[in-house]
PDB file of N, CA and C in Angstrom:
ATOM      1  N   MET A   1       2.591  -8.035  -7.144  1.00  0.00           N
ATOM      2  CA  MET A   1       3.099  -7.857  -5.723  1.00  0.00           C
ATOM      3  C   MET A   1       3.029  -9.046  -5.071  1.00  0.00           C
ATOM      4  N   GLY A   2       3.753  -9.574  -4.569  1.00  0.00           N
ATOM      5  CA  GLY A   2       3.849 -11.116  -3.538  1.00  0.00           C
ATOM      6  C   GLY A   2       3.348  -9.785  -2.265  1.00  0.00           C
ATOM      7  N   ALA A   3       3.444 -10.580  -1.570  1.00  0.00           N
ATOM      8  CA  ALA A   3       3.200 -10.494   0.161  1.00  0.00           C
ATOM      9  C   ALA A   3       4.781 -10.162   1.050  1.00  0.00           C
ATOM     10  N   ASP A   4       5.082  -9.423   1.254  1.00  0.00           N
ATOM     11  CA  ASP A   4       6.593  -8.871   2.093  1.00  0.00           C
ATOM     12  C   ASP A   4       6.523  -9.908   3.684  1.00  0.00           C
ATOM     13  N   PRO A   5       6.963 -10.763   3.699  1.00  0.00           N
ATOM     14  CA  PRO A   5       7.244 -11.430   4.758  1.00  0.00           C
ATOM     15  C   PRO A   5       7.787 -10.605   5.950  1.00  0.00           C
ATOM     16  N   THR A   6       8.563  -9.185   5.909  1.00  0.00           N
ATOM     17  CA  THR A   6       8.882  -8.489   7.081  1.00  0.00           C
ATOM     18  C   THR A   6       8.294  -7.642   7.014  1.00  0.00           C
ATOM     19  N   GLY A   7       7.077  -7.040   5.948  1.00  0.00           N
ATOM     20  CA  GLY A   7       6.363  -5.936   6.405  1.00  0.00           C
ATOM     21  C   GLY A   7       6.954  -4.770   5.903  1.00  0.00           C
ATOM     22  N   ARG A   8       7.938  -4.841   4.966  1.00  0.00           N
ATOM     23  CA  ARG A   8       7.982  -3.676   4.797  1.00  0.00           C
ATOM     24  C   ARG A   8       7.542  -3.385   3.278  1.00  0.00           C
ATOM     25  N   ARG A   9       7.177  -2.213   2.794  1.00  0.00           N
ATOM     26  CA  ARG A   9       6.595  -1.720   1.895  1.00  0.00           C
ATOM     27  C   ARG A   9       7.608  -1.669   0.457  1.00  0.00           C
ATOM     28  N   PRO A  10       7.192  -2.138  -0.667  1.00  0.00           N
ATOM     29  CA  PRO A  10       8.083  -2.134  -2.116  1.00  0.00           C
ATOM     30  C   PRO A  10       8.430  -0.514  -2.254  1.00  0.00           C
ATOM     31  N   GLU A  11       9.210  -0.420  -2.948  1.00  0.00           N
ATOM     32  CA  GLU A  11      10.109   0.408  -3.486  1.00  0.00           C
ATOM     33  C   GLU A  11       9.087   0.778  -4.505  1.00  0.00           C
ATOM     34  N   THR A  12       8.374   0.070  -5.665  1.00  0.00           N
ATOM     35  CA  THR A  12       7.701   0.654  -6.602  1.00  0.00           C
ATOM     36  C   THR A  12       6.197  -0.615  -6.522  1.00  0.00           C
ATOM     37  N   LEU A  13       5.105   0.005  -7.221  1.00  0.00           N
ATOM     38  CA  LEU A  13       4.212  -0.262  -7.296  1.00  0.00           C
ATOM     39  C   LEU A  13       3.864  -0.361  -8.756  1.00  0.00           C
ATOM     40  N   PRO A  14       4.131  -1.167  -9.849  1.00  0.00           N
ATOM     41  CA  PRO A  14       4.168  -1.113 -11.398  1.00  0.00           C
ATOM     42  C   PRO A  14       2.810  -0.987 -11.849  1.00  0.00           C
ATOM     43  N   THR A  15       1.703  -1.254 -11.128  1.00  0.00           N
ATOM     44  CA  THR A  15       0.665  -1.714 -11.828  1.00  0.00           C
ATOM     45  C   THR A  15      -0.640  -1.366 -11.005  1.00  0.00           C
ATOM     46  N   ASP A  16      -1.643  -0.701 -11.419  1.00  0.00           N
ATOM     47  CA  ASP A  16      -2.657  -0.384 -10.477  1.00  0.00           C
ATOM     48  C   ASP A  16      -3.415  -1.465  -9.739  1.00  0.00           C
ATOM     49  N   GLU A  17      -3.184  -2.678 -10.061  1.00  0.00           N
ATOM     50  CA  GLU A  17      -3.819  -3.796  -9.086  1.00  0.00           C
ATOM     51  C   GLU A  17      -3.266  -3.909  -7.775  1.00  0.00           C
ATOM     52  N   ASP A  18      -1.445  -3.542  -8.213  1.00  0.00           N
ATOM     53  CA  ASP A  18      -0.531  -3.667  -6.493  1.00  0.00           C
ATOM     54  C   ASP A  18      -0.528  -2.310  -6.023  1.00  0.00           C
ATOM     55  N   ARG A  19      -1.062  -1.206  -6.703  1.00  0.00           N
ATOM     56  CA  ARG A  19      -1.489  -0.027  -5.657  1.00  0.00           C
ATOM     57  C   ARG A  19      -2.931   0.105  -4.677  1.00  0.00           C
ATOM     58  N   VAL A  20      -3.637  -0.629  -5.456  1.00  0.00           N
ATOM     59  CA  VAL A  20      -4.683  -0.820  -4.748  1.00  0.00           C
ATOM     60  C   VAL A  20      -4.392  -1.999  -3.512  1.00  0.00           C
ATOM     61  N   ARG A  21      -4.211  -2.983  -4.084  1.00  0.00           N
ATOM     62  CA  ARG A  21      -3.536  -4.140  -3.026  1.00  0.00           C
ATOM     63  C   ARG A  21      -3.353  -3.229  -1.638  1.00  0.00           C
ATOM     64  N   LEU A  22      -2.208  -2.829  -1.712  1.00  0.00           N
ATOM     65  CA  LEU A  22      -1.125  -2.612  -0.692  1.00  0.00           C
ATOM     66  C   LEU A  22      -2.355  -1.022  -0.025  1.00  0.00           C
ATOM     67  N   THR A  23      -2.784  -0.323  -1.008  1.00  0.00           N
ATOM     68  CA  THR A  23      -3.847   0.950   0.102  1.00  0.00           C
ATOM     69  C   THR A  23      -4.676  -0.097   0.781  1.00  0.00           C
ATOM     70  N   ASN A  24      -5.090  -1.264   0.569  1.00  0.00           N
ATOM     71  CA  ASN A  24      -6.169  -1.955   0.855  1.00  0.00           C
ATOM     72  C   ASN A  24      -5.682  -2.847   2.225  1.00  0.00           C
ATOM     73  N   ARG A  25      -4.509  -2.870   2.084  1.00  0.00           N
ATOM     74  CA  ARG A  25      -3.858  -3.879   3.304  1.00  0.00           C
ATOM     75  C   ARG A  25      -3.278  -2.656   4.576  1.00  0.00           C
ATOM     76  N   LEU A  26      -3.028  -1.561   4.004  1.00  0.00           N
ATOM     77  CA  LEU A  26      -3.144  -0.394   5.080  1.00  0.00           C
ATOM     78  C   LEU A  26      -4.450   0.058   5.351  1.00  0.00           C
ATOM     79  N   ALA A  27      -5.581   0.080   4.762  1.00  0.00           N
ATOM     80  CA  ALA A  27      -6.768   0.580   5.791  1.00  0.00           C
ATOM     81  C   ALA A  27      -7.116  -0.538   6.299  1.00  0.00           C
ATOM     82  N   GLU A  28      -6.674  -1.675   6.456  1.00  0.00           N
ATOM     83  CA  GLU A  28      -7.406  -2.798   6.857  1.00  0.00           C
ATOM     84  C   GLU A  28      -6.152  -3.370   8.439  1.00  0.00           C
ATOM     85  N   ARG A  29      -5.089  -2.723   8.128  1.00  0.00           N
ATOM     86  CA  ARG A  29      -4.153  -2.669   9.363  1.00  0.00           C
ATOM     87  C   ARG A  29      -4.648  -1.083  10.152  1.00  0.00           C
ATOM     88  N   ASN A  30      -5.016  -0.292   9.451  1.00  0.00           N
ATOM     89  CA  ASN A  30      -4.977   0.581  10.302  1.00  0.00           C
ATOM     90  C   ASN A  30      -6.921   0.618  11.573  1.00  0.00           C
ATOM     91  N   HIS A  31      -7.833   0.046  10.608  1.00  0.00           N
ATOM     92  CA  HIS A  31      -8.638  -0.354  11.432  1.00  0.00           C
ATOM     93  C   HIS A  31      -8.340  -1.556  12.313  1.00  0.00           C
ATOM     94  N   ARG A  32      -7.358  -2.363  12.311  1.00  0.00           N
ATOM     95  CA  ARG A  32      -7.496  -3.357  13.112  1.00  0.00           C
ATOM     96  C   ARG A  32      -6.332  -3.030  14.107  1.00  0.00           C
ATOM     97  N   GLU A  33      -5.711  -1.988  13.814  1.00  0.00           N
ATOM     98  CA  GLU A  33      -5.126  -1.385  15.067  1.00  0.00           C
ATOM     99  C   GLU A  33      -5.471  -0.006  15.859  1.00  0.00           C
ATOM    100  N   ASP A  34      -7.142   0.093  14.744  1.00  0.00           N
ATOM    101  CA  ASP A  34      -7.410   1.323  15.631  1.00  0.00           C
ATOM    102  C   ASP A  34      -6.629   2.592  15.524  1.00  0.00           C
ATOM    103  N   THR A  35      -6.161   2.828  14.217  1.00  0.00           N
ATOM    104  CA  THR A  35      -5.075   4.154  14.071  1.00  0.00           C
ATOM    105  C   THR A  35      -5.852   5.093  12.876  1.00  0.00           C
ATOM    106  N   GLY A  36      -7.190   5.260  12.859  1.00  0.00           N
ATOM    107  CA  GLY A  36      -7.434   5.873  11.449  1.00  0.00           C
ATOM    108  C   GLY A  36      -8.317   5.469  11.038  1.00  0.00           C
ATOM    109  N   GLY A  37      -8.835   4.520  11.743  1.00  0.00           N
ATOM    110  CA  GLY A  37     -10.431   3.367  10.744  1.00  0.00           C
ATOM    111  C   GLY A  37      -9.553   3.273   9.062  1.00  0.00           C
ATOM    112  N   PRO A  38     -10.964   2.724   8.316  1.00  0.00           N
ATOM    113  CA  PRO A  38     -10.526   1.930   7.567  1.00  0.00           C
ATOM    114  C   PRO A  38     -10.290   2.941   6.675  1.00  0.00           C
ATOM    115  N   PHE A  39      -9.090   3.491   6.811  1.00  0.00           N
ATOM    116  CA  PHE A  39      -8.598   4.727   5.350  1.00  0.00           C
ATOM    117  C   PHE A  39      -7.273   4.502   4.942  1.00  0.00           C
ATOM    118  N   ALA A  40      -6.645   4.693   3.873  1.00  0.00           N
ATOM    119  CA  ALA A  40      -5.589   4.660   3.492  1.00  0.00           C
ATOM    120  C   ALA A  40      -5.240   5.587   2.546  1.00  0.00           C
ATOM    121  N   ALA A  41      -4.266   6.014   2.293  1.00  0.00           N
ATOM    122  CA  ALA A  41      -3.592   6.413   0.801  1.00  0.00           C
ATOM    123  C   ALA A  41      -2.651   5.814   0.152  1.00  0.00           C
ATOM    124  N   LEU A  42      -1.998   6.181  -0.872  1.00  0.00           N
ATOM    125  CA  LEU A  42      -0.888   6.151  -1.577  1.00  0.00           C
ATOM    126  C   LEU A  42      -0.667   7.179  -2.374  1.00  0.00           C
ATOM    127  N   VAL A  43       0.875   8.182  -2.874  1.00  0.00           N
ATOM    128  CA  VAL A  43       0.772   8.870  -3.710  1.00  0.00           C
ATOM    129  C   VAL A  43       2.422   8.213  -4.532  1.00  0.00           C
ATOM    130  N   VAL A  44       2.226   8.098  -5.727  1.00  0.00           N
ATOM    131  CA  VAL A  44       3.163   7.254  -6.465  1.00  0.00           C
ATOM    132  C   VAL A  44       3.312   8.190  -7.954  1.00  0.00           C
ATOM    133  N   GLU A  45       4.490   7.799  -8.563  1.00  0.00           N
ATOM    134  CA  GLU A  45       4.711   8.389  -9.663  1.00  0.00           C
ATOM    135  C   GLU A  45       3.845   7.585 -10.398  1.00  0.00           C
ATOM    136  N   THR A  46       3.521   8.185 -11.696  1.00  0.00           N
ATOM    137  CA  THR A  46       2.779   7.527 -12.710  1.00  0.00           C
ATOM    138  C   THR A  46       3.307   6.902 -13.495  1.00  0.00           C
ATOM    139  N   GLY A  47       4.681   6.727 -13.684  1.00  0.00           N
ATOM    140  CA  GLY A  47       5.268   6.314 -15.033  1.00  0.00           C
ATOM    141  C   GLY A  47       6.566   5.125 -14.335  1.00  0.00           C
ATOM    142  N   THR A  48       6.948   5.532 -13.231  1.00  0.00           N
ATOM    143  CA  THR A  48       7.854   4.503 -12.512  1.00  0.00           C
ATOM    144  C   THR A  48       6.745   3.990 -11.661  1.00  0.00           C
ATOM    145  N   GLY A  49       5.735   4.139 -11.219  1.00  0.00           N
ATOM    146  CA  GLY A  49       5.223   3.181  -9.568  1.00  0.00           C
ATOM    147  C   GLY A  49       5.869   3.204  -8.390  1.00  0.00           C
ATOM    148  N   ARG A  50       6.466   4.381  -8.264  1.00  0.00           N
ATOM    149  CA  ARG A  50       7.701   4.761  -7.562  1.00  0.00           C
ATOM    150  C   ARG A  50       6.884   5.657  -6.342  1.00  0.00           C
ATOM    151  N   LEU A  51       7.113   4.952  -4.811  1.00  0.00           N
ATOM    152  CA  LEU A  51       6.123   5.478  -3.544  1.00  0.00           C
ATOM    153  C   LEU A  51       6.667   6.873  -3.070  1.00  0.00           C
ATOM    154  N   VAL A  52       6.276   7.676  -3.880  1.00  0.00           N
ATOM    155  CA  VAL A  52       6.624   8.998  -3.044  1.00  0.00           C
ATOM    156  C   VAL A  52       6.311   9.095  -1.647  1.00  0.00           C
TER     157      VAL A  52
END
């Protein structure tokens, strides 16, 4: 999963690495913007990687 210069989230995250990478980016953003601390979570369909 490459970085999206527009800041939008991808519709699917096919690998565990992609999912962890996005979760970490969201947690860093929450911490940086002081909007919830260093926490984030994703919900994805196991088979497709589609963000729910």
